[in-house]
């Protein structure tokens, strides 16, 4: 039953999002809108229960050049997986209230009201988010920090550090060596599992004589 309701919800939500130039990727429960630098993504997650299911909504932005640099030497991802990574993203509840937000669906009659609420949230919060972070400069400002406002947009510390360094390199601004050293120090303090991977990545960005 849950799967049937989820298919109906995805189709109805996708029809509404199509007006904003998003195209459905049903298998991944995502909706994609191409941009000049990559794409915007809207994604639904389902949490199944015996008699109903919850859903959450998250949004993300991909900058192709950043992701190509970060993924070039990543042997753990397939070519298709590399094409789907995003540069920043956030769950809707964290964006609006600082905590996760869920909607519950228990019957087909719940679907249209939930879609209406999702679209209200989309126009009020998601579109402004896509606009705010439509430039690499604005995204770099998020990625270059380790404060909470940055971590909720890119929660894995080493991945955030890699994307920050890649963005700085593409923008041709800032002291790459200084940023590298600052992030290494932070990852060391955090005893972060991604420290070694980050150090290896920096070697592909910063030429050391």
C-alpha atoms as a PDB file:
ATOM      1  CA  UNK A   1       0.000   0.000   0.000  1.00  0.00           C
ATOM      2  CA  UNK A   2       2.748   2.454   0.918  1.00  0.00           C
ATOM      3  CA  UNK A   3       4.458   2.015  -2.466  1.00  0.00           C
ATOM      4  CA  UNK A   4       1.248   2.726  -4.354  1.00  0.00           C
ATOM      5  CA  UNK A   5       0.613   5.891  -2.332  1.00  0.00           C
ATOM      6  CA  UNK A   6       4.218   6.979  -2.814  1.00  0.00           C
ATOM      7  CA  UNK A   7       3.917   6.605  -6.584  1.00  0.00           C
ATOM      8  CA  UNK A   8       0.762   8.725  -6.597  1.00  0.00           C
ATOM      9  CA  UNK A   9       2.440  11.365  -4.437  1.00  0.00           C
ATOM     10  CA  UNK A  10       5.583  11.481  -6.584  1.00  0.00           C
ATOM     11  CA  UNK A  11       3.520  11.836  -9.766  1.00  0.00           C
ATOM     12  CA  UNK A  12       1.366  14.612  -8.319  1.00  0.00           C
ATOM     13  CA  UNK A  13       4.284  16.501  -6.815  1.00  0.00           C
ATOM     14  CA  UNK A  14       6.284  16.116 -10.016  1.00  0.00           C
ATOM     15  CA  UNK A  15       3.435  17.558 -12.058  1.00  0.00           C
ATOM     16  CA  UNK A  16       3.428  20.663  -9.873  1.00  0.00           C
ATOM     17  CA  UNK A  17       7.209  21.010  -9.955  1.00  0.00           C
ATOM     18  CA  UNK A  18       7.226  20.712 -13.752  1.00  0.00           C
ATOM     19  CA  UNK A  19       5.888  24.259 -13.865  1.00  0.00           C
ATOM     20  CA  UNK A  20       9.250  25.293 -12.405  1.00  0.00           C
ATOM     21  CA  UNK A  21      11.170  23.333 -15.074  1.00  0.00           C
ATOM     22  CA  UNK A  22      11.960  20.331 -12.868  1.00  0.00           C
ATOM     23  CA  UNK A  23      11.995  16.874 -14.449  1.00  0.00           C
ATOM     24  CA  UNK A  24      11.320  13.699 -12.470  1.00  0.00           C
ATOM     25  CA  UNK A  25      13.826  10.956 -11.739  1.00  0.00           C
ATOM     26  CA  UNK A  26      11.328   8.464 -10.268  1.00  0.00           C
ATOM     27  CA  UNK A  27      13.830   5.780  -9.265  1.00  0.00           C
ATOM     28  CA  UNK A  28      15.738   8.189  -7.064  1.00  0.00           C
ATOM     29  CA  UNK A  29      12.587  10.060  -5.917  1.00  0.00           C
ATOM     30  CA  UNK A  30      14.237  13.244  -7.199  1.00  0.00           C
ATOM     31  CA  UNK A  31      13.342  16.159  -9.447  1.00  0.00           C
ATOM     32  CA  UNK A  32      16.105  17.916 -11.387  1.00  0.00           C
ATOM     33  CA  UNK A  33      16.317  21.355 -12.986  1.00  0.00           C
ATOM     34  CA  UNK A  34      19.391  22.054 -15.137  1.00  0.00           C
ATOM     35  CA  UNK A  35      21.332  25.275 -14.564  1.00  0.00           C
ATOM     36  CA  UNK A  36      24.206  26.848 -16.453  1.00  0.00           C
ATOM     37  CA  UNK A  37      26.674  25.444 -13.926  1.00  0.00           C
ATOM     38  CA  UNK A  38      25.018  22.132 -13.025  1.00  0.00           C
ATOM     39  CA  UNK A  39      21.548  21.545 -11.610  1.00  0.00           C
ATOM     40  CA  UNK A  40      19.102  22.096  -8.756  1.00  0.00           C
ATOM     41  CA  UNK A  41      17.595  19.058  -7.052  1.00  0.00           C
ATOM     42  CA  UNK A  42      14.467  18.417  -4.999  1.00  0.00           C
ATOM     43  CA  UNK A  43      14.352  15.002  -3.323  1.00  0.00           C
ATOM     44  CA  UNK A  44      11.767  13.160  -1.234  1.00  0.00           C
ATOM     45  CA  UNK A  45      12.671  10.510   1.345  1.00  0.00           C
ATOM     46  CA  UNK A  46      10.138   8.008   2.632  1.00  0.00           C
ATOM     47  CA  UNK A  47      10.147   6.461   6.111  1.00  0.00           C
ATOM     48  CA  UNK A  48       7.892   3.424   6.036  1.00  0.00           C
ATOM     49  CA  UNK A  49       5.746   2.250   8.949  1.00  0.00           C
ATOM     50  CA  UNK A  50       3.252  -0.607   9.123  1.00  0.00           C
ATOM     51  CA  UNK A  51       0.139   1.471   8.453  1.00  0.00           C
ATOM     52  CA  UNK A  52       1.531   4.700   6.993  1.00  0.00           C
ATOM     53  CA  UNK A  53       4.740   6.459   6.013  1.00  0.00           C
ATOM     54  CA  UNK A  54       6.465   9.753   6.680  1.00  0.00           C
ATOM     55  CA  UNK A  55       8.213  11.866   4.107  1.00  0.00           C
ATOM     56  CA  UNK A  56      10.903  14.509   4.251  1.00  0.00           C
ATOM     57  CA  UNK A  57      12.059  16.927   1.575  1.00  0.00           C
ATOM     58  CA  UNK A  58      15.613  18.009   0.880  1.00  0.00           C
ATOM     59  CA  UNK A  59      17.100  20.259  -1.753  1.00  0.00           C
ATOM     60  CA  UNK A  60      20.582  20.460  -3.237  1.00  0.00           C
ATOM     61  CA  UNK A  61      22.674  22.361  -5.756  1.00  0.00           C
ATOM     62  CA  UNK A  62      25.348  20.894  -7.987  1.00  0.00           C
ATOM     63  CA  UNK A  63      28.224  22.805  -9.553  1.00  0.00           C
ATOM     64  CA  UNK A  64      29.679  20.479 -12.188  1.00  0.00           C
ATOM     65  CA  UNK A  65      33.198  21.891 -12.110  1.00  0.00           C
ATOM     66  CA  UNK A  66      33.455  21.528  -8.339  1.00  0.00           C
ATOM     67  CA  UNK A  67      32.081  17.994  -8.360  1.00  0.00           C
ATOM     68  CA  UNK A  68      34.332  16.943 -11.253  1.00  0.00           C
ATOM     69  CA  UNK A  69      37.385  18.081  -9.287  1.00  0.00           C
ATOM     70  CA  UNK A  70      36.278  16.416  -6.051  1.00  0.00           C
ATOM     71  CA  UNK A  71      35.290  13.144  -7.738  1.00  0.00           C
ATOM     72  CA  UNK A  72      38.169  12.802 -10.186  1.00  0.00           C
ATOM     73  CA  UNK A  73      40.196  10.496  -7.957  1.00  0.00           C
ATOM     74  CA  UNK A  74      37.307   8.962  -6.033  1.00  0.00           C
ATOM     75  CA  UNK A  75      37.527   5.234  -6.690  1.00  0.00           C
ATOM     76  CA  UNK A  76      34.527   4.451  -4.490  1.00  0.00           C
ATOM     77  CA  UNK A  77      31.915   5.976  -6.813  1.00  0.00           C
ATOM     78  CA  UNK A  78      30.784   4.811 -10.235  1.00  0.00           C
ATOM     79  CA  UNK A  79      30.539   7.239 -13.154  1.00  0.00           C
ATOM     80  CA  UNK A  80      26.770   7.485 -12.639  1.00  0.00           C
ATOM     81  CA  UNK A  81      27.187   8.109  -8.913  1.00  0.00           C
ATOM     82  CA  UNK A  82      29.748  10.839  -9.578  1.00  0.00           C
ATOM     83  CA  UNK A  83      27.236  12.595 -11.845  1.00  0.00           C
ATOM     84  CA  UNK A  84      24.724  12.711  -8.978  1.00  0.00           C
ATOM     85  CA  UNK A  85      26.819  14.215  -6.187  1.00  0.00           C
ATOM     86  CA  UNK A  86      25.871  17.723  -5.118  1.00  0.00           C
ATOM     87  CA  UNK A  87      27.904  20.641  -3.836  1.00  0.00           C
ATOM     88  CA  UNK A  88      25.571  21.848  -1.072  1.00  0.00           C
ATOM     89  CA  UNK A  89      22.167  20.772   0.154  1.00  0.00           C
ATOM     90  CA  UNK A  90      19.828  20.866   3.119  1.00  0.00           C
ATOM     91  CA  UNK A  91      16.716  19.204   4.534  1.00  0.00           C
ATOM     92  CA  UNK A  92      13.732  21.544   4.481  1.00  0.00           C
ATOM     93  CA  UNK A  93      13.108  21.470   8.225  1.00  0.00           C
ATOM     94  CA  UNK A  94      16.729  22.334   8.964  1.00  0.00           C
ATOM     95  CA  UNK A  95      16.465  25.214   6.511  1.00  0.00           C
ATOM     96  CA  UNK A  96      13.293  26.664   8.022  1.00  0.00           C
ATOM     97  CA  UNK A  97      13.230  25.636  11.693  1.00  0.00           C
ATOM     98  CA  UNK A  98      16.552  24.038  12.530  1.00  0.00           C
ATOM     99  CA  UNK A  99      15.002  20.571  13.008  1.00  0.00           C
ATOM    100  CA  UNK A 100      13.792  17.871  10.643  1.00  0.00           C
ATOM    101  CA  UNK A 101      10.257  18.215   9.321  1.00  0.00           C
ATOM    102  CA  UNK A 102       8.049  15.261   8.387  1.00  0.00           C
ATOM    103  CA  UNK A 103       4.657  14.771   6.760  1.00  0.00           C
ATOM    104  CA  UNK A 104       2.607  11.613   7.391  1.00  0.00           C
ATOM    105  CA  UNK A 105       0.607   9.814   4.706  1.00  0.00           C
ATOM    106  CA  UNK A 106      -1.829   7.086   5.753  1.00  0.00           C
ATOM    107  CA  UNK A 107      -4.363   7.182   2.912  1.00  0.00           C
ATOM    108  CA  UNK A 108      -4.802   8.634  -0.562  1.00  0.00           C
ATOM    109  CA  UNK A 109      -6.879  11.470   0.881  1.00  0.00           C
ATOM    110  CA  UNK A 110      -3.745  12.756   2.648  1.00  0.00           C
ATOM    111  CA  UNK A 111      -1.771  13.149  -0.553  1.00  0.00           C
ATOM    112  CA  UNK A 112      -3.180  16.339  -2.104  1.00  0.00           C
ATOM    113  CA  UNK A 113      -3.056  18.399   1.128  1.00  0.00           C
ATOM    114  CA  UNK A 114       0.561  17.305   1.637  1.00  0.00           C
ATOM    115  CA  UNK A 115       1.479  18.203  -1.953  1.00  0.00           C
ATOM    116  CA  UNK A 116      -0.116  21.618  -1.427  1.00  0.00           C
ATOM    117  CA  UNK A 117       1.971  22.122   1.722  1.00  0.00           C
ATOM    118  CA  UNK A 118       5.131  20.964  -0.031  1.00  0.00           C
ATOM    119  CA  UNK A 119       4.554  23.427  -2.857  1.00  0.00           C
ATOM    120  CA  UNK A 120       3.953  26.252  -0.389  1.00  0.00           C
ATOM    121  CA  UNK A 121       7.262  25.416   1.267  1.00  0.00           C
ATOM    122  CA  UNK A 122       8.941  25.151  -2.116  1.00  0.00           C
ATOM    123  CA  UNK A 123       7.922  28.630  -3.224  1.00  0.00           C
ATOM    124  CA  UNK A 124       8.575  30.212   0.186  1.00  0.00           C
ATOM    125  CA  UNK A 125      11.918  28.585   0.977  1.00  0.00           C
ATOM    126  CA  UNK A 126      13.350  26.320  -1.718  1.00  0.00           C
ATOM    127  CA  UNK A 127      13.308  28.733  -4.643  1.00  0.00           C
ATOM    128  CA  UNK A 128      14.914  31.512  -2.560  1.00  0.00           C
ATOM    129  CA  UNK A 129      17.586  28.995  -1.484  1.00  0.00           C
ATOM    130  CA  UNK A 130      18.334  28.086  -5.104  1.00  0.00           C
ATOM    131  CA  UNK A 131      18.549  31.775  -5.964  1.00  0.00           C
ATOM    132  CA  UNK A 132      20.725  32.657  -2.964  1.00  0.00           C
ATOM    133  CA  UNK A 133      23.278  29.989  -3.830  1.00  0.00           C
ATOM    134  CA  UNK A 134      23.127  30.269  -7.609  1.00  0.00           C
ATOM    135  CA  UNK A 135      26.707  31.534  -7.859  1.00  0.00           C
ATOM    136  CA  UNK A 136      29.931  29.747  -6.998  1.00  0.00           C
ATOM    137  CA  UNK A 137      31.002  32.717  -4.889  1.00  0.00           C
ATOM    138  CA  UNK A 138      27.981  32.414  -2.609  1.00  0.00           C
ATOM    139  CA  UNK A 139      28.460  28.662  -2.289  1.00  0.00           C
ATOM    140  CA  UNK A 140      32.144  29.120  -1.487  1.00  0.00           C
ATOM    141  CA  UNK A 141      31.204  31.409   1.402  1.00  0.00           C
ATOM    142  CA  UNK A 142      29.201  28.533   2.899  1.00  0.00           C
ATOM    143  CA  UNK A 143      31.787  25.851   2.244  1.00  0.00           C
ATOM    144  CA  UNK A 144      34.723  27.851   3.573  1.00  0.00           C
ATOM    145  CA  UNK A 145      33.339  27.879   7.123  1.00  0.00           C
ATOM    146  CA  UNK A 146      33.035  25.149   9.749  1.00  0.00           C
ATOM    147  CA  UNK A 147      30.274  26.845  11.725  1.00  0.00           C
ATOM    148  CA  UNK A 148      26.865  25.199  12.137  1.00  0.00           C
ATOM    149  CA  UNK A 149      25.207  27.235   9.365  1.00  0.00           C
ATOM    150  CA  UNK A 150      27.777  25.799   6.980  1.00  0.00           C
ATOM    151  CA  UNK A 151      27.776  22.251   8.296  1.00  0.00           C
ATOM    152  CA  UNK A 152      24.025  21.826   7.863  1.00  0.00           C
ATOM    153  CA  UNK A 153      24.514  22.623   4.155  1.00  0.00           C
ATOM    154  CA  UNK A 154      27.472  20.243   3.854  1.00  0.00           C
ATOM    155  CA  UNK A 155      27.646  18.047   6.947  1.00  0.00           C
ATOM    156  CA  UNK A 156      30.675  15.848   6.181  1.00  0.00           C
ATOM    157  CA  UNK A 157      33.680  17.903   7.275  1.00  0.00           C
ATOM    158  CA  UNK A 158      36.280  16.527   4.850  1.00  0.00           C
ATOM    159  CA  UNK A 159      33.890  16.707   1.912  1.00  0.00           C
ATOM    160  CA  UNK A 160      33.045  20.315   2.774  1.00  0.00           C
ATOM    161  CA  UNK A 161      36.757  21.118   2.955  1.00  0.00           C
ATOM    162  CA  UNK A 162      37.405  19.522  -0.439  1.00  0.00           C
ATOM    163  CA  UNK A 163      34.603  21.420  -2.126  1.00  0.00           C
ATOM    164  CA  UNK A 164      35.718  24.655  -0.510  1.00  0.00           C
ATOM    165  CA  UNK A 165      39.246  24.229  -1.846  1.00  0.00           C
ATOM    166  CA  UNK A 166      37.950  23.289  -5.298  1.00  0.00           C
ATOM    167  CA  UNK A 167      35.672  26.340  -5.367  1.00  0.00           C
ATOM    168  CA  UNK A 168      38.487  28.639  -4.238  1.00  0.00           C
ATOM    169  CA  UNK A 169      40.692  27.268  -6.991  1.00  0.00           C
ATOM    170  CA  UNK A 170      38.003  27.787  -9.641  1.00  0.00           C
ATOM    171  CA  UNK A 171      37.325  31.313  -8.419  1.00  0.00           C
ATOM    172  CA  UNK A 172      41.027  32.116  -8.466  1.00  0.00           C
ATOM    173  CA  UNK A 173      40.750  33.857  -5.128  1.00  0.00           C
ATOM    174  CA  UNK A 174      42.204  33.335  -1.700  1.00  0.00           C
ATOM    175  CA  UNK A 175      45.361  31.689  -0.458  1.00  0.00           C
ATOM    176  CA  UNK A 176      44.957  28.004  -1.211  1.00  0.00           C
ATOM    177  CA  UNK A 177      47.858  26.961   1.006  1.00  0.00           C
ATOM    178  CA  UNK A 178      46.449  28.914   3.945  1.00  0.00           C
ATOM    179  CA  UNK A 179      42.999  27.411   3.470  1.00  0.00           C
ATOM    180  CA  UNK A 180      44.466  23.923   3.140  1.00  0.00           C
ATOM    181  CA  UNK A 181      46.425  24.273   6.374  1.00  0.00           C
ATOM    182  CA  UNK A 182      43.469  25.741   8.260  1.00  0.00           C
ATOM    183  CA  UNK A 183      41.198  22.884   7.265  1.00  0.00           C
ATOM    184  CA  UNK A 184      43.843  20.270   8.042  1.00  0.00           C
ATOM    185  CA  UNK A 185      44.151  21.736  11.521  1.00  0.00           C
ATOM    186  CA  UNK A 186      40.371  21.621  11.957  1.00  0.00           C
ATOM    187  CA  UNK A 187      40.119  18.014  10.744  1.00  0.00           C
ATOM    188  CA  UNK A 188      42.968  17.021  13.066  1.00  0.00           C
ATOM    189  CA  UNK A 189      41.201  18.635  16.018  1.00  0.00           C
ATOM    190  CA  UNK A 190      38.006  16.800  15.108  1.00  0.00           C
ATOM    191  CA  UNK A 191      39.921  13.526  14.659  1.00  0.00           C
ATOM    192  CA  UNK A 192      38.005  13.320  11.401  1.00  0.00           C
ATOM    193  CA  UNK A 193      38.123  10.056   9.444  1.00  0.00           C
ATOM    194  CA  UNK A 194      38.398  12.031   6.190  1.00  0.00           C
ATOM    195  CA  UNK A 195      41.676  13.790   7.057  1.00  0.00           C
ATOM    196  CA  UNK A 196      43.880  11.499   4.975  1.00  0.00           C
ATOM    197  CA  UNK A 197      41.539  11.729   1.996  1.00  0.00           C
ATOM    198  CA  UNK A 198      41.505  15.524   2.245  1.00  0.00           C
ATOM    199  CA  UNK A 199      45.290  15.750   2.342  1.00  0.00           C
ATOM    200  CA  UNK A 200      45.536  13.553  -0.747  1.00  0.00           C
ATOM    201  CA  UNK A 201      42.951  15.683  -2.516  1.00  0.00           C
ATOM    202  CA  UNK A 202      44.846  18.910  -1.799  1.00  0.00           C
ATOM    203  CA  UNK A 203      47.842  17.521  -3.689  1.00  0.00           C
ATOM    204  CA  UNK A 204      45.778  17.481  -6.871  1.00  0.00           C
ATOM    205  CA  UNK A 205      44.815  21.143  -6.362  1.00  0.00           C
ATOM    206  CA  UNK A 206      47.965  22.699  -4.943  1.00  0.00           C
ATOM    207  CA  UNK A 207      51.256  22.077  -6.693  1.00  0.00           C
ATOM    208  CA  UNK A 208      54.041  21.669  -4.142  1.00  0.00           C
ATOM    209  CA  UNK A 209      57.561  22.269  -5.347  1.00  0.00           C
END
